[in-house]
Amino acid sequence: MRLQEQGMQYRRDDDGAMPVSKLVRRMKNVLEIEIGDVWVEGEVSNLRKQA
């Protein structure tokens, strides 16, 4: 399987599965290159103070 996004190609490993760590690392790189620094606005839910 191939995923093409703006000229970049990502392929799964030979066994057909991609480790989660590798996927996260690749997505991090794509976000940093394509989007860069951003500010996110929203609310935090289910916040609990640790005991």
N, C-alpha and C. Protein backbone atom coordinates (compact mmCIF):
# COMPACT_ATOMS: atom_id res chain seq x y z
N MET A 1 0.85 -1.18 0.00
CA MET A 1 0.00 0.00 0.00
C MET A 1 0.88 1.23 0.00
N ARG A 2 0.49 2.22 -0.73
CA ARG A 2 1.24 3.47 -0.79
C ARG A 2 0.33 4.63 -0.43
N LEU A 3 0.87 5.57 0.31
CA LEU A 3 0.15 6.79 0.63
C LEU A 3 0.93 7.94 0.02
N GLN A 4 0.30 8.66 -0.88
CA GLN A 4 0.96 9.80 -1.49
C GLN A 4 0.30 11.07 -0.99
N GLU A 5 1.09 11.96 -0.47
CA GLU A 5 0.58 13.23 0.04
C GLU A 5 1.59 14.30 -0.34
N GLN A 6 1.22 15.18 -1.22
CA GLN A 6 2.04 16.28 -1.68
C GLN A 6 3.44 15.81 -2.09
N GLY A 7 3.48 14.77 -2.92
CA GLY A 7 4.74 14.32 -3.46
C GLY A 7 5.53 13.37 -2.57
N MET A 8 5.10 13.13 -1.35
CA MET A 8 5.82 12.22 -0.46
C MET A 8 5.20 10.83 -0.54
N GLN A 9 6.01 9.82 -0.52
CA GLN A 9 5.52 8.45 -0.56
C GLN A 9 5.92 7.73 0.72
N TYR A 10 4.99 7.05 1.31
CA TYR A 10 5.25 6.26 2.51
C TYR A 10 4.82 4.84 2.23
N ARG A 11 5.68 3.89 2.51
CA ARG A 11 5.38 2.49 2.27
C ARG A 11 5.47 1.72 3.57
N ARG A 12 4.63 0.72 3.68
CA ARG A 12 4.70 -0.16 4.84
C ARG A 12 5.94 -1.03 4.74
N ASP A 13 6.38 -1.56 5.87
CA ASP A 13 7.51 -2.48 5.88
C ASP A 13 7.18 -3.72 5.08
N ASP A 14 8.18 -4.52 4.78
CA ASP A 14 8.02 -5.70 3.93
C ASP A 14 6.96 -6.67 4.44
N ASP A 15 6.79 -6.76 5.75
CA ASP A 15 5.80 -7.70 6.28
C ASP A 15 4.38 -7.16 6.22
N GLY A 16 4.20 -5.94 5.71
CA GLY A 16 2.87 -5.37 5.56
C GLY A 16 2.42 -4.52 6.73
N ALA A 17 3.17 -4.54 7.82
CA ALA A 17 2.78 -3.77 9.00
C ALA A 17 3.83 -2.72 9.28
N MET A 18 3.38 -1.57 9.75
CA MET A 18 4.28 -0.50 10.14
C MET A 18 4.20 -0.34 11.66
N PRO A 19 5.32 -0.37 12.35
CA PRO A 19 5.29 -0.16 13.80
C PRO A 19 4.71 1.22 14.13
N VAL A 20 3.98 1.30 15.21
CA VAL A 20 3.35 2.57 15.62
C VAL A 20 4.41 3.65 15.78
N SER A 21 5.55 3.31 16.38
CA SER A 21 6.60 4.32 16.60
C SER A 21 7.09 4.91 15.28
N LYS A 22 7.19 4.09 14.26
CA LYS A 22 7.63 4.58 12.95
C LYS A 22 6.58 5.48 12.32
N LEU A 23 5.32 5.11 12.43
CA LEU A 23 4.23 5.93 11.91
C LEU A 23 4.18 7.28 12.61
N VAL A 24 4.29 7.27 13.93
CA VAL A 24 4.26 8.52 14.71
C VAL A 24 5.43 9.41 14.32
N ARG A 25 6.61 8.84 14.17
CA ARG A 25 7.79 9.61 13.78
C ARG A 25 7.60 10.25 12.41
N ARG A 26 7.06 9.48 11.47
CA ARG A 26 6.82 10.03 10.13
C ARG A 26 5.77 11.14 10.14
N MET A 27 4.69 10.93 10.88
CA MET A 27 3.64 11.95 10.95
C MET A 27 4.16 13.21 11.62
N LYS A 28 4.99 13.06 12.64
CA LYS A 28 5.61 14.21 13.30
C LYS A 28 6.42 15.02 12.30
N ASN A 29 7.21 14.33 11.48
CA ASN A 29 8.02 15.01 10.47
C ASN A 29 7.14 15.73 9.46
N VAL A 30 6.08 15.09 8.99
CA VAL A 30 5.18 15.71 8.03
C VAL A 30 4.54 16.96 8.63
N LEU A 31 4.06 16.87 9.86
CA LEU A 31 3.43 18.02 10.50
C LEU A 31 4.42 19.16 10.69
N GLU A 32 5.63 18.86 11.11
CA GLU A 32 6.62 19.91 11.32
C GLU A 32 7.00 20.59 10.01
N ILE A 33 7.10 19.81 8.93
CA ILE A 33 7.49 20.37 7.63
C ILE A 33 6.33 21.13 6.99
N GLU A 34 5.15 20.54 6.98
CA GLU A 34 4.01 21.11 6.26
C GLU A 34 3.29 22.21 7.03
N ILE A 35 3.21 22.08 8.34
CA ILE A 35 2.43 23.03 9.13
C ILE A 35 3.32 23.96 9.94
N GLY A 36 4.36 23.43 10.54
CA GLY A 36 5.25 24.25 11.36
C GLY A 36 4.64 24.54 12.72
N ASP A 37 5.03 25.67 13.29
CA ASP A 37 4.53 26.05 14.61
C ASP A 37 3.12 26.60 14.53
N VAL A 38 2.25 26.14 15.40
CA VAL A 38 0.87 26.63 15.47
C VAL A 38 0.46 26.78 16.93
N TRP A 39 -0.47 27.65 17.18
CA TRP A 39 -1.11 27.77 18.48
C TRP A 39 -2.45 27.07 18.40
N VAL A 40 -2.77 26.29 19.40
CA VAL A 40 -4.03 25.56 19.43
C VAL A 40 -4.88 26.11 20.56
N GLU A 41 -6.15 26.36 20.27
CA GLU A 41 -7.07 26.88 21.27
C GLU A 41 -8.16 25.85 21.51
N GLY A 42 -8.51 25.66 22.75
CA GLY A 42 -9.55 24.70 23.07
C GLY A 42 -9.70 24.57 24.57
N GLU A 43 -10.38 23.54 24.99
CA GLU A 43 -10.57 23.33 26.41
C GLU A 43 -10.06 21.96 26.81
N VAL A 44 -9.68 21.83 28.06
CA VAL A 44 -9.18 20.57 28.60
C VAL A 44 -10.32 19.90 29.34
N SER A 45 -10.55 18.62 29.03
CA SER A 45 -11.60 17.89 29.74
C SER A 45 -10.99 16.72 30.49
N ASN A 46 -11.67 16.28 31.52
CA ASN A 46 -11.24 15.14 32.33
C ASN A 46 -9.87 15.34 32.96
N LEU A 47 -9.54 16.56 33.33
CA LEU A 47 -8.27 16.84 33.99
C LEU A 47 -8.36 16.42 35.44
N ARG A 48 -7.39 15.64 35.88
CA ARG A 48 -7.37 15.18 37.27
C ARG A 48 -6.02 15.49 37.89
N LYS A 49 -6.05 15.92 39.13
CA LYS A 49 -4.82 16.17 39.88
C LYS A 49 -4.30 14.83 40.40
N GLN A 50 -3.03 14.55 40.17
CA GLN A 50 -2.44 13.31 40.63
C GLN A 50 -2.33 13.30 42.15
N ALA A 51 -2.53 12.14 42.75
CA ALA A 51 -2.49 12.01 44.22
C ALA A 51 -1.08 12.12 44.74
